[in-house]
PDB file of N, CA and C in Angstrom:
ATOM      1  N   MET A   1      16.110  -4.588  29.424  1.00  0.00           N
ATOM      2  CA  MET A   1      14.860  -4.871  28.741  1.00  0.00           C
ATOM      3  C   MET A   1      14.807  -4.438  27.290  1.00  0.00           C
ATOM      4  N   THR A   2      14.343  -5.180  26.457  1.00  0.00           N
ATOM      5  CA  THR A   2      14.300  -4.895  25.026  1.00  0.00           C
ATOM      6  C   THR A   2      13.199  -3.834  24.685  1.00  0.00           C
ATOM      7  N   GLU A   3      13.480  -3.125  23.580  1.00  0.00           N
ATOM      8  CA  GLU A   3      12.545  -2.072  23.178  1.00  0.00           C
ATOM      9  C   GLU A   3      11.375  -2.864  22.568  1.00  0.00           C
ATOM     10  N   PRO A   4      10.128  -2.462  22.526  1.00  0.00           N
ATOM     11  CA  PRO A   4       9.118  -3.006  21.902  1.00  0.00           C
ATOM     12  C   PRO A   4       9.213  -2.942  20.430  1.00  0.00           C
ATOM     13  N   ARG A   5       8.929  -3.807  19.623  1.00  0.00           N
ATOM     14  CA  ARG A   5       9.137  -3.850  18.220  1.00  0.00           C
ATOM     15  C   ARG A   5       8.159  -2.807  17.565  1.00  0.00           C
ATOM     16  N   ILE A   6       8.364  -2.018  16.772  1.00  0.00           N
ATOM     17  CA  ILE A   6       7.449  -0.969  15.994  1.00  0.00           C
ATOM     18  C   ILE A   6       7.043  -1.657  14.881  1.00  0.00           C
ATOM     19  N   VAL A   7       5.789  -1.777  14.559  1.00  0.00           N
ATOM     20  CA  VAL A   7       5.284  -2.491  13.418  1.00  0.00           C
ATOM     21  C   VAL A   7       5.075  -1.519  12.235  1.00  0.00           C
ATOM     22  N   ARG A   8       5.502  -1.795  11.176  1.00  0.00           N
ATOM     23  CA  ARG A   8       5.396  -1.138   9.958  1.00  0.00           C
ATOM     24  C   ARG A   8       4.532  -1.990   8.872  1.00  0.00           C
ATOM     25  N   SER A   9       3.896  -1.294   8.059  1.00  0.00           N
ATOM     26  CA  SER A   9       3.269  -1.970   6.851  1.00  0.00           C
ATOM     27  C   SER A   9       3.585  -1.473   5.613  1.00  0.00           C
ATOM     28  N   TYR A  10       4.771  -0.881   5.446  1.00  0.00           N
ATOM     29  CA  TYR A  10       5.361  -0.376   4.117  1.00  0.00           C
ATOM     30  C   TYR A  10       6.785  -0.323   4.173  1.00  0.00           C
ATOM     31  N   GLU A  11       7.439  -0.181   3.048  1.00  0.00           N
ATOM     32  CA  GLU A  11       8.875  -0.070   3.059  1.00  0.00           C
ATOM     33  C   GLU A  11       9.224   1.285   2.279  1.00  0.00           C
ATOM     34  N   LEU A  12      10.053   2.230   2.584  1.00  0.00           N
ATOM     35  CA  LEU A  12      10.459   3.295   1.841  1.00  0.00           C
ATOM     36  C   LEU A  12      11.882   3.132   1.336  1.00  0.00           C
ATOM     37  N   ALA A  13      12.159   3.679   0.183  1.00  0.00           N
ATOM     38  CA  ALA A  13      13.534   3.613  -0.259  1.00  0.00           C
ATOM     39  C   ALA A  13      14.254   4.991  -0.244  1.00  0.00           C
ATOM     40  N   ASN A  14      15.363   4.976  -0.122  1.00  0.00           N
ATOM     41  CA  ASN A  14      16.183   6.423  -0.216  1.00  0.00           C
ATOM     42  C   ASN A  14      16.174   7.032  -1.458  1.00  0.00           C
ATOM     43  N   GLU A  15      16.156   6.256  -2.602  1.00  0.00           N
ATOM     44  CA  GLU A  15      16.099   6.687  -3.864  1.00  0.00           C
ATOM     45  C   GLU A  15      14.896   6.180  -4.522  1.00  0.00           C
ATOM     46  N   PRO A  16      14.481   6.920  -5.595  1.00  0.00           N
ATOM     47  CA  PRO A  16      13.312   6.500  -6.460  1.00  0.00           C
ATOM     48  C   PRO A  16      13.531   4.879  -6.804  1.00  0.00           C
ATOM     49  N   VAL A  17      12.442   4.200  -6.831  1.00  0.00           N
ATOM     50  CA  VAL A  17      12.426   2.773  -7.115  1.00  0.00           C
ATOM     51  C   VAL A  17      11.524   2.548  -8.504  1.00  0.00           C
ATOM     52  N   ARG A  18      11.808   1.475  -9.207  1.00  0.00           N
ATOM     53  CA  ARG A  18      11.168   1.279 -10.461  1.00  0.00           C
ATOM     54  C   ARG A  18       9.773   0.759 -10.296  1.00  0.00           C
ATOM     55  N   SER A  19       9.508   0.058  -9.088  1.00  0.00           N
ATOM     56  CA  SER A  19       8.295  -0.720  -9.044  1.00  0.00           C
ATOM     57  C   SER A  19       7.715  -0.677  -7.679  1.00  0.00           C
ATOM     58  N   LEU A  20       6.487  -0.918  -7.443  1.00  0.00           N
ATOM     59  CA  LEU A  20       5.932  -1.095  -6.197  1.00  0.00           C
ATOM     60  C   LEU A  20       5.683  -2.584  -5.883  1.00  0.00           C
ATOM     61  N   GLN A  21       6.218  -3.080  -4.896  1.00  0.00           N
ATOM     62  CA  GLN A  21       5.875  -4.592  -4.576  1.00  0.00           C
ATOM     63  C   GLN A  21       4.751  -4.533  -3.503  1.00  0.00           C
ATOM     64  N   ILE A  22       3.815  -5.454  -3.847  1.00  0.00           N
ATOM     65  CA  ILE A  22       2.645  -5.598  -3.034  1.00  0.00           C
ATOM     66  C   ILE A  22       2.561  -6.893  -2.427  1.00  0.00           C
ATOM     67  N   HIS A  23       2.632  -7.010  -1.114  1.00  0.00           N
ATOM     68  CA  HIS A  23       2.401  -8.390  -0.475  1.00  0.00           C
ATOM     69  C   HIS A  23       0.970  -8.592  -0.068  1.00  0.00           C
ATOM     70  N   LEU A  24       0.389  -9.620  -0.653  1.00  0.00           N
ATOM     71  CA  LEU A  24      -1.122  -9.877  -0.484  1.00  0.00           C
ATOM     72  C   LEU A  24      -1.173 -10.818   0.825  1.00  0.00           C
ATOM     73  N   GLY A  25      -2.347 -10.806   1.423  1.00  0.00           N
ATOM     74  CA  GLY A  25      -2.611 -11.583   2.682  1.00  0.00           C
ATOM     75  C   GLY A  25      -2.639 -13.105   2.338  1.00  0.00           C
ATOM     76  N   ASN A  26      -2.800 -13.471   1.088  1.00  0.00           N
ATOM     77  CA  ASN A  26      -2.921 -14.955   0.725  1.00  0.00           C
ATOM     78  C   ASN A  26      -1.382 -15.295   0.403  1.00  0.00           C
ATOM     79  N   GLY A  27      -0.410 -14.712   0.635  1.00  0.00           N
ATOM     80  CA  GLY A  27       1.036 -15.034   0.436  1.00  0.00           C
ATOM     81  C   GLY A  27       1.520 -14.709  -0.956  1.00  0.00           C
ATOM     82  N   GLU A  28       0.629 -14.267  -1.870  1.00  0.00           N
ATOM     83  CA  GLU A  28       0.955 -13.843  -3.158  1.00  0.00           C
ATOM     84  C   GLU A  28       1.721 -12.454  -3.048  1.00  0.00           C
ATOM     85  N   LYS A  29       2.619 -12.333  -4.087  1.00  0.00           N
ATOM     86  CA  LYS A  29       3.248 -10.788  -4.226  1.00  0.00           C
ATOM     87  C   LYS A  29       2.915 -10.420  -5.656  1.00  0.00           C
ATOM     88  N   LEU A  30       2.811  -9.174  -5.817  1.00  0.00           N
ATOM     89  CA  LEU A  30       2.667  -8.473  -7.006  1.00  0.00           C
ATOM     90  C   LEU A  30       3.592  -7.341  -7.279  1.00  0.00           C
ATOM     91  N   LEU A  31       4.073  -7.194  -8.385  1.00  0.00           N
ATOM     92  CA  LEU A  31       5.009  -6.098  -8.600  1.00  0.00           C
ATOM     93  C   LEU A  31       4.364  -5.255  -9.802  1.00  0.00           C
ATOM     94  N   LEU A  32       4.188  -3.925  -9.477  1.00  0.00           N
ATOM     95  CA  LEU A  32       3.589  -2.921 -10.360  1.00  0.00           C
ATOM     96  C   LEU A  32       4.656  -1.883 -10.816  1.00  0.00           C
ATOM     97  N   PRO A  33       5.070  -1.705 -12.036  1.00  0.00           N
ATOM     98  CA  PRO A  33       6.008  -0.805 -12.386  1.00  0.00           C
ATOM     99  C   PRO A  33       5.494   0.615 -12.267  1.00  0.00           C
ATOM    100  N   TRP A  34       6.335   1.606 -11.606  1.00  0.00           N
ATOM    101  CA  TRP A  34       6.010   2.908 -11.342  1.00  0.00           C
ATOM    102  C   TRP A  34       5.736   3.573 -12.773  1.00  0.00           C
ATOM    103  N   SER A  35       6.408   3.106 -13.719  1.00  0.00           N
ATOM    104  CA  SER A  35       6.250   3.669 -15.131  1.00  0.00           C
ATOM    105  C   SER A  35       4.851   3.572 -15.666  1.00  0.00           C
ATOM    106  N   ARG A  36       3.960   2.669 -15.082  1.00  0.00           N
ATOM    107  CA  ARG A  36       2.688   2.449 -15.461  1.00  0.00           C
ATOM    108  C   ARG A  36       1.597   3.101 -14.482  1.00  0.00           C
ATOM    109  N   PHE A  37       2.054   3.847 -13.478  1.00  0.00           N
ATOM    110  CA  PHE A  37       1.313   4.550 -12.397  1.00  0.00           C
ATOM    111  C   PHE A  37       0.599   5.689 -13.162  1.00  0.00           C
ATOM    112  N   HIS A  38      -0.688   5.848 -12.745  1.00  0.00           N
ATOM    113  CA  HIS A  38      -1.503   6.792 -13.438  1.00  0.00           C
ATOM    114  C   HIS A  38      -1.874   7.929 -12.418  1.00  0.00           C
ATOM    115  N   SER A  39      -2.438   7.554 -11.263  1.00  0.00           N
ATOM    116  CA  SER A  39      -2.797   8.639 -10.312  1.00  0.00           C
ATOM    117  C   SER A  39      -3.077   7.864  -8.900  1.00  0.00           C
ATOM    118  N   ALA A  40      -3.345   8.920  -7.876  1.00  0.00           N
ATOM    119  CA  ALA A  40      -3.521   8.364  -6.500  1.00  0.00           C
ATOM    120  C   ALA A  40      -4.620   9.245  -6.005  1.00  0.00           C
ATOM    121  N   GLY A  41      -5.460   8.692  -5.136  1.00  0.00           N
ATOM    122  CA  GLY A  41      -6.515   9.491  -4.578  1.00  0.00           C
ATOM    123  C   GLY A  41      -6.661   9.111  -3.066  1.00  0.00           C
ATOM    124  N   HIS A  42      -6.775  10.123  -2.105  1.00  0.00           N
ATOM    125  CA  HIS A  42      -6.937   9.830  -0.743  1.00  0.00           C
ATOM    126  C   HIS A  42      -8.484  10.312  -0.340  1.00  0.00           C
ATOM    127  N   ARG A  43      -9.081   9.398   0.587  1.00  0.00           N
ATOM    128  CA  ARG A  43     -10.415   9.895   1.079  1.00  0.00           C
ATOM    129  C   ARG A  43     -10.499   9.289   2.431  1.00  0.00           C
ATOM    130  N   GLY A  44     -11.379   9.865   3.218  1.00  0.00           N
ATOM    131  CA  GLY A  44     -11.574   9.342   4.523  1.00  0.00           C
ATOM    132  C   GLY A  44     -10.786  10.187   5.549  1.00  0.00           C
ATOM    133  N   VAL A  45     -11.116   9.937   6.818  1.00  0.00           N
ATOM    134  CA  VAL A  45     -10.301  10.451   8.003  1.00  0.00           C
ATOM    135  C   VAL A  45     -10.426   9.434   9.211  1.00  0.00           C
ATOM    136  N   GLY A  46      -9.480   9.648  10.047  1.00  0.00           N
ATOM    137  CA  GLY A  46      -9.393   8.812  11.175  1.00  0.00           C
ATOM    138  C   GLY A  46      -9.184   7.343  10.926  1.00  0.00           C
ATOM    139  N   GLU A  47     -10.045   6.379  11.310  1.00  0.00           N
ATOM    140  CA  GLU A  47      -9.718   5.025  11.273  1.00  0.00           C
ATOM    141  C   GLU A  47     -10.262   4.441   9.932  1.00  0.00           C
ATOM    142  N   ASN A  48     -10.928   5.318   9.018  1.00  0.00           N
ATOM    143  CA  ASN A  48     -11.533   4.936   7.888  1.00  0.00           C
ATOM    144  C   ASN A  48     -10.868   5.494   6.598  1.00  0.00           C
ATOM    145  N   GLU A  49      -9.604   5.534   6.506  1.00  0.00           N
ATOM    146  CA  GLU A  49      -9.047   6.165   5.383  1.00  0.00           C
ATOM    147  C   GLU A  49      -8.828   5.177   4.223  1.00  0.00           C
ATOM    148  N   GLU A  50      -8.788   5.638   3.044  1.00  0.00           N
ATOM    149  CA  GLU A  50      -8.421   4.797   1.870  1.00  0.00           C
ATOM    150  C   GLU A  50      -7.600   5.620   0.866  1.00  0.00           C
ATOM    151  N   LEU A  51      -6.516   4.871   0.413  1.00  0.00           N
ATOM    152  CA  LEU A  51      -5.608   5.563  -0.451  1.00  0.00           C
ATOM    153  C   LEU A  51      -5.625   4.627  -1.807  1.00  0.00           C
ATOM    154  N   THR A  52      -6.148   5.050  -2.825  1.00  0.00           N
ATOM    155  CA  THR A  52      -6.254   4.244  -4.185  1.00  0.00           C
ATOM    156  C   THR A  52      -5.109   4.727  -5.109  1.00  0.00           C
ATOM    157  N   LEU A  53      -4.331   3.716  -5.561  1.00  0.00           N
ATOM    158  CA  LEU A  53      -3.312   3.845  -6.545  1.00  0.00           C
ATOM    159  C   LEU A  53      -3.783   3.312  -7.805  1.00  0.00           C
ATOM    160  N   VAL A  54      -3.830   4.088  -9.036  1.00  0.00           N
ATOM    161  CA  VAL A  54      -4.229   3.410 -10.152  1.00  0.00           C
ATOM    162  C   VAL A  54      -3.109   3.399 -11.106  1.00  0.00           C
ATOM    163  N   PHE A  55      -2.841   2.083 -11.566  1.00  0.00           N
ATOM    164  CA  PHE A  55      -1.896   1.866 -12.584  1.00  0.00           C
ATOM    165  C   PHE A  55      -2.599   1.639 -13.915  1.00  0.00           C
ATOM    166  N   ALA A  56      -1.790   1.321 -14.928  1.00  0.00           N
ATOM    167  CA  ALA A  56      -2.576   1.025 -16.249  1.00  0.00           C
ATOM    168  C   ALA A  56      -3.513  -0.006 -16.260  1.00  0.00           C
ATOM    169  N   ARG A  57      -3.298  -1.116 -15.575  1.00  0.00           N
ATOM    170  CA  ARG A  57      -4.170  -2.270 -15.588  1.00  0.00           C
ATOM    171  C   ARG A  57      -4.587  -2.780 -14.233  1.00  0.00           C
ATOM    172  N   HIS A  58      -4.303  -1.984 -13.169  1.00  0.00           N
ATOM    173  CA  HIS A  58      -4.545  -2.445 -11.929  1.00  0.00           C
ATOM    174  C   HIS A  58      -5.054  -1.189 -10.910  1.00  0.00           C
ATOM    175  N   GLU A  59      -5.804  -1.442  -9.995  1.00  0.00           N
ATOM    176  CA  GLU A  59      -6.226  -0.490  -9.030  1.00  0.00           C
ATOM    177  C   GLU A  59      -5.730  -1.089  -7.611  1.00  0.00           C
ATOM    178  N   VAL A  60      -5.006  -0.395  -6.890  1.00  0.00           N
ATOM    179  CA  VAL A  60      -4.518  -0.790  -5.514  1.00  0.00           C
ATOM    180  C   VAL A  60      -5.268  -0.041  -4.552  1.00  0.00           C
ATOM    181  N   VAL A  61      -5.984  -0.570  -3.515  1.00  0.00           N
ATOM    182  CA  VAL A  61      -6.586   0.324  -2.530  1.00  0.00           C
ATOM    183  C   VAL A  61      -6.017  -0.193  -1.201  1.00  0.00           C
ATOM    184  N   LEU A  62      -5.388   0.877  -0.533  1.00  0.00           N
ATOM    185  CA  LEU A  62      -4.997   0.643   0.849  1.00  0.00           C
ATOM    186  C   LEU A  62      -5.821   1.274   1.747  1.00  0.00           C
ATOM    187  N   ARG A  63      -6.195   0.422   2.907  1.00  0.00           N
ATOM    188  CA  ARG A  63      -7.001   1.027   3.947  1.00  0.00           C
ATOM    189  C   ARG A  63      -6.251   1.011   5.294  1.00  0.00           C
ATOM    190  N   GLY A  64      -6.511   2.036   6.076  1.00  0.00           N
ATOM    191  CA  GLY A  64      -5.866   2.207   7.326  1.00  0.00           C
ATOM    192  C   GLY A  64      -5.884   3.563   7.736  1.00  0.00           C
ATOM    193  N   VAL A  65      -4.877   4.214   8.478  1.00  0.00           N
ATOM    194  CA  VAL A  65      -4.865   5.434   9.153  1.00  0.00           C
ATOM    195  C   VAL A  65      -3.623   6.096   8.697  1.00  0.00           C
ATOM    196  N   ARG A  66      -3.685   7.489   8.656  1.00  0.00           N
ATOM    197  CA  ARG A  66      -2.613   8.474   8.449  1.00  0.00           C
ATOM    198  C   ARG A  66      -2.027   8.098   7.030  1.00  0.00           C
ATOM    199  N   LEU A  67      -2.971   7.580   6.115  1.00  0.00           N
ATOM    200  CA  LEU A  67      -2.326   7.144   4.801  1.00  0.00           C
ATOM    201  C   LEU A  67      -2.018   8.367   3.862  1.00  0.00           C
ATOM    202  N   ALA A  68      -2.506   9.504   4.184  1.00  0.00           N
ATOM    203  CA  ALA A  68      -2.207  10.814   3.394  1.00  0.00           C
ATOM    204  C   ALA A  68      -0.538  11.114   3.641  1.00  0.00           C
ATOM    205  N   LEU A  69      -0.016  10.562   4.529  1.00  0.00           N
ATOM    206  CA  LEU A  69       1.451  10.731   4.817  1.00  0.00           C
ATOM    207  C   LEU A  69       2.301  10.071   3.774  1.00  0.00           C
ATOM    208  N   LEU A  70       1.773   8.949   3.032  1.00  0.00           N
ATOM    209  CA  LEU A  70       2.379   8.258   1.933  1.00  0.00           C
ATOM    210  C   LEU A  70       2.416   9.059   0.755  1.00  0.00           C
ATOM    211  N   LEU A  71       1.466   9.989   0.467  1.00  0.00           N
ATOM    212  CA  LEU A  71       1.399  10.670  -0.785  1.00  0.00           C
ATOM    213  C   LEU A  71       2.720  11.250  -1.359  1.00  0.00           C
ATOM    214  N   PRO A  72       3.504  11.891  -0.433  1.00  0.00           N
ATOM    215  CA  PRO A  72       4.699  12.587  -1.028  1.00  0.00           C
ATOM    216  C   PRO A  72       5.793  11.342  -1.407  1.00  0.00           C
ATOM    217  N   LYS A  73       5.582  10.364  -0.709  1.00  0.00           N
ATOM    218  CA  LYS A  73       6.596   9.219  -1.065  1.00  0.00           C
ATOM    219  C   LYS A  73       6.145   8.653  -2.397  1.00  0.00           C
ATOM    220  N   ILE A  74       4.881   8.478  -2.654  1.00  0.00           N
ATOM    221  CA  ILE A  74       4.396   7.943  -3.859  1.00  0.00           C
ATOM    222  C   ILE A  74       4.791   8.914  -5.049  1.00  0.00           C
ATOM    223  N   ALA A  75       4.537  10.320  -4.797  1.00  0.00           N
ATOM    224  CA  ALA A  75       4.807  11.160  -5.925  1.00  0.00           C
ATOM    225  C   ALA A  75       6.242  11.103  -6.261  1.00  0.00           C
ATOM    226  N   SER A  76       7.028  10.882  -5.318  1.00  0.00           N
ATOM    227  CA  SER A  76       8.616  10.701  -5.671  1.00  0.00           C
ATOM    228  C   SER A  76       9.086   9.431  -5.879  1.00  0.00           C
ATOM    229  N   PHE A  77       8.163   8.409  -5.965  1.00  0.00           N
ATOM    230  CA  PHE A  77       8.445   6.942  -6.261  1.00  0.00           C
ATOM    231  C   PHE A  77       9.476   6.363  -5.323  1.00  0.00           C
ATOM    232  N   HIS A  78       9.274   6.774  -3.955  1.00  0.00           N
ATOM    233  CA  HIS A  78      10.051   6.262  -2.914  1.00  0.00           C
ATOM    234  C   HIS A  78       9.376   5.170  -2.110  1.00  0.00           C
ATOM    235  N   LEU A  79       8.135   4.831  -2.429  1.00  0.00           N
ATOM    236  CA  LEU A  79       7.377   3.788  -1.811  1.00  0.00           C
ATOM    237  C   LEU A  79       7.515   2.432  -2.462  1.00  0.00           C
ATOM    238  N   ALA A  80       8.388   1.659  -1.763  1.00  0.00           N
ATOM    239  CA  ALA A  80       8.989   0.379  -2.430  1.00  0.00           C
ATOM    240  C   ALA A  80       8.112  -0.864  -2.202  1.00  0.00           C
ATOM    241  N   CYS A  81       7.443  -0.988  -1.088  1.00  0.00           N
ATOM    242  CA  CYS A  81       6.555  -2.204  -0.656  1.00  0.00           C
ATOM    243  C   CYS A  81       5.458  -1.813   0.264  1.00  0.00           C
ATOM    244  N   VAL A  82       4.467  -2.511   0.075  1.00  0.00           N
ATOM    245  CA  VAL A  82       3.358  -2.232   0.951  1.00  0.00           C
ATOM    246  C   VAL A  82       2.771  -3.712   1.370  1.00  0.00           C
ATOM    247  N   TRP A  83       2.114  -3.846   2.532  1.00  0.00           N
ATOM    248  CA  TRP A  83       1.449  -5.000   2.974  1.00  0.00           C
ATOM    249  C   TRP A  83       0.639  -4.594   4.079  1.00  0.00           C
ATOM    250  N   SER A  84      -0.474  -5.333   4.453  1.00  0.00           N
ATOM    251  CA  SER A  84      -1.237  -5.230   5.532  1.00  0.00           C
ATOM    252  C   SER A  84      -0.866  -5.726   6.870  1.00  0.00           C
ATOM    253  N   GLU A  85      -1.155  -5.252   7.802  1.00  0.00           N
ATOM    254  CA  GLU A  85      -0.926  -5.687   9.278  1.00  0.00           C
ATOM    255  C   GLU A  85      -2.267  -5.781   9.869  1.00  0.00           C
ATOM    256  N   SER A  86      -2.450  -6.705  10.800  1.00  0.00           N
ATOM    257  CA  SER A  86      -3.592  -6.971  11.586  1.00  0.00           C
ATOM    258  C   SER A  86      -3.893  -5.673  12.308  1.00  0.00           C
ATOM    259  N   VAL A  87      -5.201  -5.139  12.523  1.00  0.00           N
ATOM    260  CA  VAL A  87      -5.452  -4.062  13.371  1.00  0.00           C
ATOM    261  C   VAL A  87      -5.140  -4.060  14.748  1.00  0.00           C
ATOM    262  N   GLU A  88      -4.889  -5.265  15.255  1.00  0.00           N
ATOM    263  CA  GLU A  88      -4.467  -5.559  16.560  1.00  0.00           C
ATOM    264  C   GLU A  88      -2.958  -4.992  16.867  1.00  0.00           C
ATOM    265  N   PHE A  89      -2.215  -4.936  15.745  1.00  0.00           N
ATOM    266  CA  PHE A  89      -0.815  -4.336  15.754  1.00  0.00           C
ATOM    267  C   PHE A  89      -0.898  -2.758  15.641  1.00  0.00           C
ATOM    268  N   GLN A  90      -1.926  -2.131  15.328  1.00  0.00           N
ATOM    269  CA  GLN A  90      -1.991  -0.787  15.157  1.00  0.00           C
ATOM    270  C   GLN A  90      -1.450   0.110  16.423  1.00  0.00           C
ATOM    271  N   ALA A  91      -1.574  -0.503  17.493  1.00  0.00           N
ATOM    272  CA  ALA A  91      -1.192   0.193  18.716  1.00  0.00           C
ATOM    273  C   ALA A  91       0.363   0.075  18.769  1.00  0.00           C
ATOM    274  N   LYS A  92       1.097  -0.806  18.132  1.00  0.00           N
ATOM    275  CA  LYS A  92       2.370  -0.947  18.147  1.00  0.00           C
ATOM    276  C   LYS A  92       3.155  -0.078  17.082  1.00  0.00           C
ATOM    277  N   ALA A  93       2.142   0.565  16.307  1.00  0.00           N
ATOM    278  CA  ALA A  93       2.829   1.388  15.203  1.00  0.00           C
ATOM    279  C   ALA A  93       3.169   2.709  15.608  1.00  0.00           C
ATOM    280  N   ASN A  94       4.101   3.258  14.807  1.00  0.00           N
ATOM    281  CA  ASN A  94       4.415   4.793  15.166  1.00  0.00           C
ATOM    282  C   ASN A  94       3.389   5.604  14.825  1.00  0.00           C
ATOM    283  N   MET A  95       2.835   6.366  15.842  1.00  0.00           N
ATOM    284  CA  MET A  95       1.782   7.265  15.668  1.00  0.00           C
ATOM    285  C   MET A  95       1.978   8.355  14.608  1.00  0.00           C
ATOM    286  N   LYS A  96       3.192   8.536  14.221  1.00  0.00           N
ATOM    287  CA  LYS A  96       3.434   9.588  13.156  1.00  0.00           C
ATOM    288  C   LYS A  96       3.554   9.017  11.929  1.00  0.00           C
ATOM    289  N   GLU A  97       3.244   7.883  11.619  1.00  0.00           N
ATOM    290  CA  GLU A  97       3.573   6.973  10.370  1.00  0.00           C
ATOM    291  C   GLU A  97       2.232   6.458   9.935  1.00  0.00           C
ATOM    292  N   ALA A  98       2.054   6.314   8.626  1.00  0.00           N
ATOM    293  CA  ALA A  98       0.916   5.569   8.180  1.00  0.00           C
ATOM    294  C   ALA A  98       0.966   4.096   8.606  1.00  0.00           C
ATOM    295  N   PHE A  99      -0.318   3.537   8.639  1.00  0.00           N
ATOM    296  CA  PHE A  99      -0.495   2.144   9.070  1.00  0.00           C
ATOM    297  C   PHE A  99      -1.509   1.551   8.130  1.00  0.00           C
ATOM    298  N   ILE A 100      -1.154   0.447   7.530  1.00  0.00           N
ATOM    299  CA  ILE A 100      -2.079  -0.185   6.505  1.00  0.00           C
ATOM    300  C   ILE A 100      -2.666  -1.368   7.078  1.00  0.00           C
ATOM    301  N   SER A 101      -3.939  -1.379   7.181  1.00  0.00           N
ATOM    302  CA  SER A 101      -4.680  -2.504   7.737  1.00  0.00           C
ATOM    303  C   SER A 101      -5.324  -3.483   6.689  1.00  0.00           C
ATOM    304  N   GLY A 102      -5.292  -3.012   5.420  1.00  0.00           N
ATOM    305  CA  GLY A 102      -5.897  -3.809   4.316  1.00  0.00           C
ATOM    306  C   GLY A 102      -5.259  -3.314   2.990  1.00  0.00           C
ATOM    307  N   VAL A 103      -5.025  -4.288   2.111  1.00  0.00           N
ATOM    308  CA  VAL A 103      -4.727  -4.023   0.725  1.00  0.00           C
ATOM    309  C   VAL A 103      -5.431  -4.839  -0.171  1.00  0.00           C
ATOM    310  N   SER A 104      -6.008  -4.257  -1.215  1.00  0.00           N
ATOM    311  CA  SER A 104      -6.714  -5.126  -2.245  1.00  0.00           C
ATOM    312  C   SER A 104      -6.314  -4.632  -3.582  1.00  0.00           C
ATOM    313  N   VAL A 105      -6.271  -5.401  -4.560  1.00  0.00           N
ATOM    314  CA  VAL A 105      -5.659  -5.223  -5.964  1.00  0.00           C
ATOM    315  C   VAL A 105      -6.918  -5.666  -6.839  1.00  0.00           C
ATOM    316  N   SER A 106      -7.294  -4.905  -7.797  1.00  0.00           N
ATOM    317  CA  SER A 106      -8.352  -5.178  -8.748  1.00  0.00           C
ATOM    318  C   SER A 106      -7.744  -4.980 -10.136  1.00  0.00           C
ATOM    319  N   CYS A 107      -8.124  -5.970 -10.966  1.00  0.00           N
ATOM    320  CA  CYS A 107      -7.673  -5.783 -12.402  1.00  0.00           C
ATOM    321  C   CYS A 107      -8.625  -4.681 -13.160  1.00  0.00           C
ATOM    322  N   LEU A 108      -8.029  -3.989 -13.902  1.00  0.00           N
ATOM    323  CA  LEU A 108      -8.762  -2.925 -14.758  1.00  0.00           C
ATOM    324  C   LEU A 108      -8.859  -3.378 -16.165  1.00  0.00           C
ATOM    325  N   GLY A 109     -10.001  -4.010 -16.696  1.00  0.00           N
ATOM    326  CA  GLY A 109     -10.121  -4.311 -18.048  1.00  0.00           C
ATOM    327  C   GLY A 109      -9.141  -5.220 -18.697  1.00  0.00           C
ATOM    328  N   GLY A 110      -9.420  -6.053 -19.549  1.00  0.00           N
ATOM    329  CA  GLY A 110      -8.563  -6.842 -20.352  1.00  0.00           C
ATOM    330  C   GLY A 110      -7.856  -8.080 -19.650  1.00  0.00           C
ATOM    331  N   LEU A 111      -7.703  -7.993 -18.227  1.00  0.00           N
ATOM    332  CA  LEU A 111      -6.978  -9.083 -17.678  1.00  0.00           C
ATOM    333  C   LEU A 111      -7.731 -10.011 -16.925  1.00  0.00           C
ATOM    334  N   ALA A 112      -9.038  -9.826 -16.864  1.00  0.00           N
ATOM    335  CA  ALA A 112      -9.936 -10.726 -16.202  1.00  0.00           C
ATOM    336  C   ALA A 112      -9.695 -12.293 -16.720  1.00  0.00           C
ATOM    337  N   GLY A 113      -9.654 -13.162 -15.856  1.00  0.00           N
ATOM    338  CA  GLY A 113      -9.389 -14.542 -16.225  1.00  0.00           C
ATOM    339  C   GLY A 113      -7.819 -14.762 -16.113  1.00  0.00           C
ATOM    340  N   ARG A 114      -6.966 -13.868 -16.201  1.00  0.00           N
ATOM    341  CA  ARG A 114      -5.419 -14.188 -16.141  1.00  0.00           C
ATOM    342  C   ARG A 114      -5.039 -14.229 -14.751  1.00  0.00           C
ATOM    343  N   ILE A 115      -5.505 -13.289 -13.945  1.00  0.00           N
ATOM    344  CA  ILE A 115      -5.215 -13.157 -12.521  1.00  0.00           C
ATOM    345  C   ILE A 115      -6.619 -13.014 -11.832  1.00  0.00           C
ATOM    346  N   PRO A 116      -6.580 -13.257 -10.585  1.00  0.00           N
ATOM    347  CA  PRO A 116      -7.866 -13.043  -9.812  1.00  0.00           C
ATOM    348  C   PRO A 116      -8.195 -11.463  -9.767  1.00  0.00           C
ATOM    349  N   GLU A 117      -9.532 -11.236  -9.869  1.00  0.00           N
ATOM    350  CA  GLU A 117     -10.019  -9.895 -10.022  1.00  0.00           C
ATOM    351  C   GLU A 117      -9.613  -9.199  -8.688  1.00  0.00           C
ATOM    352  N   SER A 118      -9.566  -9.714  -7.536  1.00  0.00           N
ATOM    353  CA  SER A 118      -9.211  -8.909  -6.384  1.00  0.00           C
ATOM    354  C   SER A 118      -8.491  -9.941  -5.403  1.00  0.00           C
ATOM    355  N   TYR A 119      -7.722  -9.320  -4.573  1.00  0.00           N
ATOM    356  CA  TYR A 119      -7.030 -10.321  -3.648  1.00  0.00           C
ATOM    357  C   TYR A 119      -7.485  -9.909  -2.212  1.00  0.00           C
TER     358      TYR A 119
END
């Protein structure tokens, strides 16, 4: 019998990476350089956590559970890629890892019109 597949919604790197790749629900991908990273903030508990990453021109909001576990990986630039998974897969996620159920990206000033305001 095969082991059930563990669902993950992010990828970590062994070494610091230069950029964060974001896979959006509409099939688009965005690459934000960590050199333009400004700050991160975590709020909420339980099923209603949000982790906000602020870059020079973009704000990335991750929604899910156990997101505070990603903070050390963000601080050391080891978070390589994020995407959202349907909440129905949360039960298949490792209960000791973060699970991202939503990702949104907003432009911060000056870029409106060049790319969508949010995804």
